[in-house]
Amino acid sequence: MAVNDDELSAMAIEELDIACALPWPDMKSVTPWGDSFTGFAPSGREVEIERRYLWAHEPEGAIAVEVEVRDIGARTGAEAKALITAPR
């Protein structure tokens, strides 16, 4: 069964929620950092999941969290991004 764009998008959003759940001190300590791993789409197909924690240019001190889910070996897929600022 082929993984469709909706499935990849839903996975990217779900993985972004998980990536953003990291407490601020922990997130700050691992930035900049990224990893990728193989997972399974709900359809059962293998996909590659990539997470990135990067320092954002604006606002200063914020962290850009990016997640991409794509077919194994594909160059593009569905992407979800968030900008996390320090708690006040």
PDB file of N, CA and C in Angstrom:
ATOM      1  N   MET A   1       0.849  -1.172   0.000  1.00  0.00           N
ATOM      2  CA  MET A   1       0.000   0.000   0.000  1.00  0.00           C
ATOM      3  C   MET A   1       0.896   1.237   0.000  1.00  0.00           C
ATOM      4  N   ALA A   2       0.620   2.180  -0.843  1.00  0.00           N
ATOM      5  CA  ALA A   2       1.444   3.381  -0.952  1.00  0.00           C
ATOM      6  C   ALA A   2       1.108   4.368   0.162  1.00  0.00           C
ATOM      7  N   VAL A   3       2.120   5.026   0.649  1.00  0.00           N
ATOM      8  CA  VAL A   3       1.931   6.085   1.626  1.00  0.00           C
ATOM      9  C   VAL A   3       1.550   7.338   0.860  1.00  0.00           C
ATOM     10  N   ASN A   4       0.448   7.965   1.210  1.00  0.00           N
ATOM     11  CA  ASN A   4       0.050   9.175   0.507  1.00  0.00           C
ATOM     12  C   ASN A   4       0.510  10.411   1.268  1.00  0.00           C
ATOM     13  N   ASP A   5       0.390  11.555   0.626  1.00  0.00           N
ATOM     14  CA  ASP A   5       0.847  12.802   1.244  1.00  0.00           C
ATOM     15  C   ASP A   5       0.110  13.105   2.542  1.00  0.00           C
ATOM     16  N   ASP A   6      -1.200  12.768   2.611  1.00  0.00           N
ATOM     17  CA  ASP A   6      -1.959  13.009   3.837  1.00  0.00           C
ATOM     18  C   ASP A   6      -1.403  12.198   4.995  1.00  0.00           C
ATOM     19  N   GLU A   7      -1.032  10.965   4.728  1.00  0.00           N
ATOM     20  CA  GLU A   7      -0.478  10.105   5.767  1.00  0.00           C
ATOM     21  C   GLU A   7       0.868  10.638   6.245  1.00  0.00           C
ATOM     22  N   LEU A   8       1.713  11.056   5.318  1.00  0.00           N
ATOM     23  CA  LEU A   8       3.014  11.619   5.686  1.00  0.00           C
ATOM     24  C   LEU A   8       2.839  12.910   6.466  1.00  0.00           C
ATOM     25  N   SER A   9       1.896  13.754   6.044  1.00  0.00           N
ATOM     26  CA  SER A   9       1.643  15.017   6.756  1.00  0.00           C
ATOM     27  C   SER A   9       1.160  14.761   8.178  1.00  0.00           C
ATOM     28  N   ALA A  10       0.247  13.823   8.336  1.00  0.00           N
ATOM     29  CA  ALA A  10      -0.261  13.495   9.670  1.00  0.00           C
ATOM     30  C   ALA A  10       0.862  12.969  10.555  1.00  0.00           C
ATOM     31  N   MET A  11       1.727  12.143   9.988  1.00  0.00           N
ATOM     32  CA  MET A  11       2.865  11.621  10.759  1.00  0.00           C
ATOM     33  C   MET A  11       3.816  12.747  11.148  1.00  0.00           C
ATOM     34  N   ALA A  12       4.071  13.681  10.230  1.00  0.00           N
ATOM     35  CA  ALA A  12       4.982  14.792  10.515  1.00  0.00           C
ATOM     36  C   ALA A  12       4.442  15.644  11.661  1.00  0.00           C
ATOM     37  N   ILE A  13       3.146  15.915  11.656  1.00  0.00           N
ATOM     38  CA  ILE A  13       2.541  16.716  12.718  1.00  0.00           C
ATOM     39  C   ILE A  13       2.611  15.973  14.050  1.00  0.00           C
ATOM     40  N   GLU A  14       2.340  14.677  14.041  1.00  0.00           N
ATOM     41  CA  GLU A  14       2.418  13.879  15.264  1.00  0.00           C
ATOM     42  C   GLU A  14       3.848  13.860  15.816  1.00  0.00           C
ATOM     43  N   GLU A  15       4.830  13.656  14.940  1.00  0.00           N
ATOM     44  CA  GLU A  15       6.230  13.646  15.377  1.00  0.00           C
ATOM     45  C   GLU A  15       6.667  15.029  15.858  1.00  0.00           C
ATOM     46  N   LEU A  16       6.141  16.099  15.245  1.00  0.00           N
ATOM     47  CA  LEU A  16       6.469  17.456  15.687  1.00  0.00           C
ATOM     48  C   LEU A  16       5.939  17.689  17.104  1.00  0.00           C
ATOM     49  N   ASP A  17       4.727  17.222  17.377  1.00  0.00           N
ATOM     50  CA  ASP A  17       4.177  17.347  18.732  1.00  0.00           C
ATOM     51  C   ASP A  17       5.080  16.665  19.752  1.00  0.00           C
ATOM     52  N   ILE A  18       5.583  15.497  19.408  1.00  0.00           N
ATOM     53  CA  ILE A  18       6.491  14.764  20.302  1.00  0.00           C
ATOM     54  C   ILE A  18       7.800  15.537  20.478  1.00  0.00           C
ATOM     55  N   ALA A  19       8.354  16.042  19.376  1.00  0.00           N
ATOM     56  CA  ALA A  19       9.623  16.778  19.433  1.00  0.00           C
ATOM     57  C   ALA A  19       9.488  18.056  20.255  1.00  0.00           C
ATOM     58  N   CYS A  20       8.333  18.712  20.161  1.00  0.00           N
ATOM     59  CA  CYS A  20       8.115  19.966  20.895  1.00  0.00           C
ATOM     60  C   CYS A  20       7.778  19.744  22.364  1.00  0.00           C
ATOM     61  N   ALA A  21       7.492  18.511  22.750  1.00  0.00           N
ATOM     62  CA  ALA A  21       7.157  18.210  24.147  1.00  0.00           C
ATOM     63  C   ALA A  21       8.386  18.167  25.050  1.00  0.00           C
ATOM     64  N   LEU A  22       9.567  18.209  24.453  1.00  0.00           N
ATOM     65  CA  LEU A  22      10.800  18.212  25.233  1.00  0.00           C
ATOM     66  C   LEU A  22      10.830  19.477  26.095  1.00  0.00           C
ATOM     67  N   PRO A  23      11.097  19.375  27.391  1.00  0.00           N
ATOM     68  CA  PRO A  23      11.157  20.578  28.236  1.00  0.00           C
ATOM     69  C   PRO A  23      12.214  21.556  27.714  1.00  0.00           C
ATOM     70  N   TRP A  24      11.947  22.853  27.889  1.00  0.00           N
ATOM     71  CA  TRP A  24      12.826  23.898  27.367  1.00  0.00           C
ATOM     72  C   TRP A  24      14.295  23.688  27.747  1.00  0.00           C
ATOM     73  N   PRO A  25      14.638  23.434  29.005  1.00  0.00           N
ATOM     74  CA  PRO A  25      16.062  23.254  29.338  1.00  0.00           C
ATOM     75  C   PRO A  25      16.705  22.107  28.548  1.00  0.00           C
ATOM     76  N   ASP A  26      15.969  21.018  28.370  1.00  0.00           N
ATOM     77  CA  ASP A  26      16.499  19.886  27.609  1.00  0.00           C
ATOM     78  C   ASP A  26      16.630  20.233  26.131  1.00  0.00           C
ATOM     79  N   MET A  27      15.608  20.914  25.597  1.00  0.00           N
ATOM     80  CA  MET A  27      15.647  21.301  24.192  1.00  0.00           C
ATOM     81  C   MET A  27      16.828  22.239  23.927  1.00  0.00           C
ATOM     82  N   LYS A  28      17.030  23.177  24.833  1.00  0.00           N
ATOM     83  CA  LYS A  28      18.128  24.132  24.688  1.00  0.00           C
ATOM     84  C   LYS A  28      19.484  23.426  24.747  1.00  0.00           C
ATOM     85  N   SER A  29      19.584  22.391  25.576  1.00  0.00           N
ATOM     86  CA  SER A  29      20.874  21.712  25.733  1.00  0.00           C
ATOM     87  C   SER A  29      21.242  20.852  24.519  1.00  0.00           C
ATOM     88  N   VAL A  30      20.253  20.442  23.720  1.00  0.00           N
ATOM     89  CA  VAL A  30      20.565  19.609  22.559  1.00  0.00           C
ATOM     90  C   VAL A  30      20.625  20.401  21.248  1.00  0.00           C
ATOM     91  N   THR A  31      20.321  21.691  21.294  1.00  0.00           N
ATOM     92  CA  THR A  31      20.329  22.515  20.078  1.00  0.00           C
ATOM     93  C   THR A  31      21.725  23.049  19.839  1.00  0.00           C
ATOM     94  N   PRO A  32      22.260  23.005  18.621  1.00  0.00           N
ATOM     95  CA  PRO A  32      21.699  22.418  17.404  1.00  0.00           C
ATOM     96  C   PRO A  32      21.954  20.917  17.361  1.00  0.00           C
ATOM     97  N   TRP A  33      20.954  20.203  16.871  1.00  0.00           N
ATOM     98  CA  TRP A  33      21.050  18.748  16.816  1.00  0.00           C
ATOM     99  C   TRP A  33      19.977  18.217  15.880  1.00  0.00           C
ATOM    100  N   GLY A  34      20.212  17.061  15.337  1.00  0.00           N
ATOM    101  CA  GLY A  34      19.220  16.409  14.503  1.00  0.00           C
ATOM    102  C   GLY A  34      19.478  14.921  14.456  1.00  0.00           C
ATOM    103  N   ASP A  35      18.457  14.178  14.112  1.00  0.00           N
ATOM    104  CA  ASP A  35      18.617  12.744  13.947  1.00  0.00           C
ATOM    105  C   ASP A  35      17.586  12.251  12.945  1.00  0.00           C
ATOM    106  N   SER A  36      17.812  11.066  12.457  1.00  0.00           N
ATOM    107  CA  SER A  36      16.826  10.442  11.580  1.00  0.00           C
ATOM    108  C   SER A  36      16.755   8.966  11.943  1.00  0.00           C
ATOM    109  N   PHE A  37      15.579   8.408  11.729  1.00  0.00           N
ATOM    110  CA  PHE A  37      15.378   7.001  12.051  1.00  0.00           C
ATOM    111  C   PHE A  37      14.276   6.446  11.162  1.00  0.00           C
ATOM    112  N   THR A  38      14.243   5.156  11.064  1.00  0.00           N
ATOM    113  CA  THR A  38      13.236   4.482  10.267  1.00  0.00           C
ATOM    114  C   THR A  38      12.039   4.162  11.145  1.00  0.00           C
ATOM    115  N   GLY A  39      10.858   4.422  10.617  1.00  0.00           N
ATOM    116  CA  GLY A  39       9.623   4.118  11.326  1.00  0.00           C
ATOM    117  C   GLY A  39       8.620   3.505  10.368  1.00  0.00           C
ATOM    118  N   PHE A  40       7.421   3.307  10.851  1.00  0.00           N
ATOM    119  CA  PHE A  40       6.377   2.719  10.034  1.00  0.00           C
ATOM    120  C   PHE A  40       5.175   3.643   9.980  1.00  0.00           C
ATOM    121  N   ALA A  41       4.693   3.872   8.772  1.00  0.00           N
ATOM    122  CA  ALA A  41       3.465   4.635   8.576  1.00  0.00           C
ATOM    123  C   ALA A  41       2.289   3.769   9.014  1.00  0.00           C
ATOM    124  N   PRO A  42       1.139   4.372   9.300  1.00  0.00           N
ATOM    125  CA  PRO A  42      -0.031   3.574   9.672  1.00  0.00           C
ATOM    126  C   PRO A  42      -0.380   2.500   8.632  1.00  0.00           C
ATOM    127  N   SER A  43      -0.031   2.747   7.380  1.00  0.00           N
ATOM    128  CA  SER A  43      -0.299   1.753   6.327  1.00  0.00           C
ATOM    129  C   SER A  43       0.659   0.568   6.399  1.00  0.00           C
ATOM    130  N   GLY A  44       1.714   0.684   7.246  1.00  0.00           N
ATOM    131  CA  GLY A  44       2.689  -0.390   7.392  1.00  0.00           C
ATOM    132  C   GLY A  44       3.960  -0.198   6.589  1.00  0.00           C
ATOM    133  N   ARG A  45       4.005   0.807   5.755  1.00  0.00           N
ATOM    134  CA  ARG A  45       5.174   1.062   4.920  1.00  0.00           C
ATOM    135  C   ARG A  45       6.278   1.729   5.736  1.00  0.00           C
ATOM    136  N   GLU A  46       7.520   1.363   5.443  1.00  0.00           N
ATOM    137  CA  GLU A  46       8.656   1.989   6.126  1.00  0.00           C
ATOM    138  C   GLU A  46       8.852   3.414   5.603  1.00  0.00           C
ATOM    139  N   VAL A  47       9.103   4.324   6.529  1.00  0.00           N
ATOM    140  CA  VAL A  47       9.389   5.712   6.191  1.00  0.00           C
ATOM    141  C   VAL A  47      10.594   6.167   7.004  1.00  0.00           C
ATOM    142  N   GLU A  48      11.217   7.241   6.565  1.00  0.00           N
ATOM    143  CA  GLU A  48      12.311   7.853   7.307  1.00  0.00           C
ATOM    144  C   GLU A  48      11.772   9.101   7.992  1.00  0.00           C
ATOM    145  N   ILE A  49      12.082   9.238   9.259  1.00  0.00           N
ATOM    146  CA  ILE A  49      11.653  10.384  10.058  1.00  0.00           C
ATOM    147  C   ILE A  49      12.901  11.150  10.467  1.00  0.00           C
ATOM    148  N   GLU A  50      12.917  12.430  10.172  1.00  0.00           N
ATOM    149  CA  GLU A  50      14.076  13.273  10.508  1.00  0.00           C
ATOM    150  C   GLU A  50      13.608  14.416  11.396  1.00  0.00           C
ATOM    151  N   ARG A  51      14.333  14.622  12.505  1.00  0.00           N
ATOM    152  CA  ARG A  51      14.055  15.720  13.435  1.00  0.00           C
ATOM    153  C   ARG A  51      15.265  16.634  13.496  1.00  0.00           C
ATOM    154  N   ARG A  52      14.990  17.943  13.579  1.00  0.00           N
ATOM    155  CA  ARG A  52      16.065  18.922  13.700  1.00  0.00           C
ATOM    156  C   ARG A  52      15.683  19.977  14.740  1.00  0.00           C
ATOM    157  N   TYR A  53      16.636  20.300  15.604  1.00  0.00           N
ATOM    158  CA  TYR A  53      16.507  21.406  16.549  1.00  0.00           C
ATOM    159  C   TYR A  53      17.583  22.420  16.155  1.00  0.00           C
ATOM    160  N   LEU A  54      17.161  23.603  15.715  1.00  0.00           N
ATOM    161  CA  LEU A  54      18.090  24.614  15.213  1.00  0.00           C
ATOM    162  C   LEU A  54      17.833  25.947  15.891  1.00  0.00           C
ATOM    163  N   TRP A  55      18.880  26.732  16.080  1.00  0.00           N
ATOM    164  CA  TRP A  55      18.694  28.084  16.608  1.00  0.00           C
ATOM    165  C   TRP A  55      17.993  28.920  15.548  1.00  0.00           C
ATOM    166  N   ALA A  56      16.955  29.634  15.939  1.00  0.00           N
ATOM    167  CA  ALA A  56      16.204  30.494  15.018  1.00  0.00           C
ATOM    168  C   ALA A  56      16.866  31.870  14.948  1.00  0.00           C
ATOM    169  N   HIS A  57      16.733  32.515  13.807  1.00  0.00           N
ATOM    170  CA  HIS A  57      17.263  33.869  13.651  1.00  0.00           C
ATOM    171  C   HIS A  57      16.355  34.884  14.329  1.00  0.00           C
ATOM    172  N   GLU A  58      15.071  34.674  14.259  1.00  0.00           N
ATOM    173  CA  GLU A  58      14.091  35.571  14.869  1.00  0.00           C
ATOM    174  C   GLU A  58      13.005  34.739  15.525  1.00  0.00           C
ATOM    175  N   PRO A  59      12.570  35.025  16.702  1.00  0.00           N
ATOM    176  CA  PRO A  59      13.215  35.922  17.636  1.00  0.00           C
ATOM    177  C   PRO A  59      14.501  35.304  18.178  1.00  0.00           C
ATOM    178  N   GLU A  60      15.401  36.153  18.560  1.00  0.00           N
ATOM    179  CA  GLU A  60      16.698  35.705  19.055  1.00  0.00           C
ATOM    180  C   GLU A  60      16.511  34.775  20.250  1.00  0.00           C
ATOM    181  N   GLY A  61      17.246  33.667  20.234  1.00  0.00           N
ATOM    182  CA  GLY A  61      17.185  32.705  21.330  1.00  0.00           C
ATOM    183  C   GLY A  61      16.112  31.645  21.177  1.00  0.00           C
ATOM    184  N   ALA A  62      15.267  31.781  20.152  1.00  0.00           N
ATOM    185  CA  ALA A  62      14.217  30.779  19.924  1.00  0.00           C
ATOM    186  C   ALA A  62      14.821  29.558  19.227  1.00  0.00           C
ATOM    187  N   ILE A  63      14.112  28.467  19.286  1.00  0.00           N
ATOM    188  CA  ILE A  63      14.549  27.225  18.657  1.00  0.00           C
ATOM    189  C   ILE A  63      13.536  26.829  17.594  1.00  0.00           C
ATOM    190  N   ALA A  64      14.032  26.571  16.391  1.00  0.00           N
ATOM    191  CA  ALA A  64      13.188  26.075  15.312  1.00  0.00           C
ATOM    192  C   ALA A  64      13.220  24.551  15.369  1.00  0.00           C
ATOM    193  N   VAL A  65      12.062  23.957  15.482  1.00  0.00           N
ATOM    194  CA  VAL A  65      11.946  22.502  15.500  1.00  0.00           C
ATOM    195  C   VAL A  65      11.338  22.088  14.163  1.00  0.00           C
ATOM    196  N   GLU A  66      12.027  21.204  13.469  1.00  0.00           N
ATOM    197  CA  GLU A  66      11.578  20.760  12.146  1.00  0.00           C
ATOM    198  C   GLU A  66      11.509  19.241  12.119  1.00  0.00           C
ATOM    199  N   VAL A  67      10.469  18.727  11.512  1.00  0.00           N
ATOM    200  CA  VAL A  67      10.308  17.280  11.347  1.00  0.00           C
ATOM    201  C   VAL A  67       9.943  17.019   9.892  1.00  0.00           C
ATOM    202  N   GLU A  68      10.584  16.035   9.306  1.00  0.00           N
ATOM    203  CA  GLU A  68      10.251  15.618   7.950  1.00  0.00           C
ATOM    204  C   GLU A  68      10.031  14.116   7.937  1.00  0.00           C
ATOM    205  N   VAL A  69       8.971  13.686   7.272  1.00  0.00           N
ATOM    206  CA  VAL A  69       8.664  12.268   7.110  1.00  0.00           C
ATOM    207  C   VAL A  69       8.623  11.998   5.610  1.00  0.00           C
ATOM    208  N   ARG A  70       9.393  11.010   5.175  1.00  0.00           N
ATOM    209  CA  ARG A  70       9.469  10.722   3.735  1.00  0.00           C
ATOM    210  C   ARG A  70       9.650   9.229   3.505  1.00  0.00           C
ATOM    211  N   ASP A  71       9.335   8.815   2.289  1.00  0.00           N
ATOM    212  CA  ASP A  71       9.589   7.438   1.892  1.00  0.00           C
ATOM    213  C   ASP A  71      11.091   7.175   1.978  1.00  0.00           C
ATOM    214  N   ILE A  72      11.486   5.961   2.301  1.00  0.00           N
ATOM    215  CA  ILE A  72      12.895   5.592   2.364  1.00  0.00           C
ATOM    216  C   ILE A  72      13.556   5.925   1.020  1.00  0.00           C
ATOM    217  N   GLY A  73      14.651   6.671   1.068  1.00  0.00           N
ATOM    218  CA  GLY A  73      15.397   7.010  -0.133  1.00  0.00           C
ATOM    219  C   GLY A  73      14.863   8.214  -0.885  1.00  0.00           C
ATOM    220  N   ALA A  74      13.701   8.739  -0.514  1.00  0.00           N
ATOM    221  CA  ALA A  74      13.152   9.916  -1.195  1.00  0.00           C
ATOM    222  C   ALA A  74      13.842  11.174  -0.683  1.00  0.00           C
ATOM    223  N   ARG A  75      13.913  12.160  -1.535  1.00  0.00           N
ATOM    224  CA  ARG A  75      14.545  13.429  -1.140  1.00  0.00           C
ATOM    225  C   ARG A  75      13.572  14.371  -0.450  1.00  0.00           C
ATOM    226  N   THR A  76      12.301  14.246  -0.741  1.00  0.00           N
ATOM    227  CA  THR A  76      11.314  15.135  -0.136  1.00  0.00           C
ATOM    228  C   THR A  76      10.174  14.327   0.448  1.00  0.00           C
ATOM    229  N   GLY A  77       9.453  14.952   1.343  1.00  0.00           N
ATOM    230  CA  GLY A  77       8.306  14.321   1.978  1.00  0.00           C
ATOM    231  C   GLY A  77       7.455  15.396   2.612  1.00  0.00           C
ATOM    232  N   ALA A  78       6.737  15.061   3.631  1.00  0.00           N
ATOM    233  CA  ALA A  78       5.920  16.016   4.359  1.00  0.00           C
ATOM    234  C   ALA A  78       6.758  16.611   5.484  1.00  0.00           C
ATOM    235  N   GLU A  79       6.594  17.908   5.697  1.00  0.00           N
ATOM    236  CA  GLU A  79       7.390  18.587   6.709  1.00  0.00           C
ATOM    237  C   GLU A  79       6.475  19.383   7.627  1.00  0.00           C
ATOM    238  N   ALA A  80       6.835  19.446   8.890  1.00  0.00           N
ATOM    239  CA  ALA A  80       6.121  20.246   9.877  1.00  0.00           C
ATOM    240  C   ALA A  80       7.167  21.012  10.682  1.00  0.00           C
ATOM    241  N   LYS A  81       6.871  22.272  11.003  1.00  0.00           N
ATOM    242  CA  LYS A  81       7.826  23.114  11.716  1.00  0.00           C
ATOM    243  C   LYS A  81       7.147  23.861  12.840  1.00  0.00           C
ATOM    244  N   ALA A  82       7.924  24.175  13.872  1.00  0.00           N
ATOM    245  CA  ALA A  82       7.444  24.979  14.984  1.00  0.00           C
ATOM    246  C   ALA A  82       8.569  25.879  15.456  1.00  0.00           C
ATOM    247  N   LEU A  83       8.220  26.997  16.032  1.00  0.00           N
ATOM    248  CA  LEU A  83       9.186  27.921  16.619  1.00  0.00           C
ATOM    249  C   LEU A  83       8.890  27.981  18.112  1.00  0.00           C
ATOM    250  N   ILE A  84       9.861  27.582  18.917  1.00  0.00           N
ATOM    251  CA  ILE A  84       9.694  27.503  20.370  1.00  0.00           C
ATOM    252  C   ILE A  84      10.525  28.618  21.010  1.00  0.00           C
ATOM    253  N   THR A  85       9.890  29.398  21.867  1.00  0.00           N
ATOM    254  CA  THR A  85      10.608  30.446  22.591  1.00  0.00           C
ATOM    255  C   THR A  85      10.714  30.046  24.060  1.00  0.00           C
ATOM    256  N   ALA A  86      11.661  30.653  24.719  1.00  0.00           N
ATOM    257  CA  ALA A  86      11.889  30.349  26.131  1.00  0.00           C
ATOM    258  C   ALA A  86      10.671  30.745  26.969  1.00  0.00           C
ATOM    259  N   PRO A  87      10.324  29.917  27.941  1.00  0.00           N
ATOM    260  CA  PRO A  87       9.215  30.291  28.823  1.00  0.00           C
ATOM    261  C   PRO A  87       9.567  31.542  29.609  1.00  0.00           C
ATOM    262  N   ARG A  88       8.583  32.321  29.887  1.00  0.00           N
ATOM    263  CA  ARG A  88       8.815  33.585  30.645  1.00  0.00           C
ATOM    264  C   ARG A  88       8.443  33.419  32.082  1.00  0.00           C
TER     265      ARG A  88
END
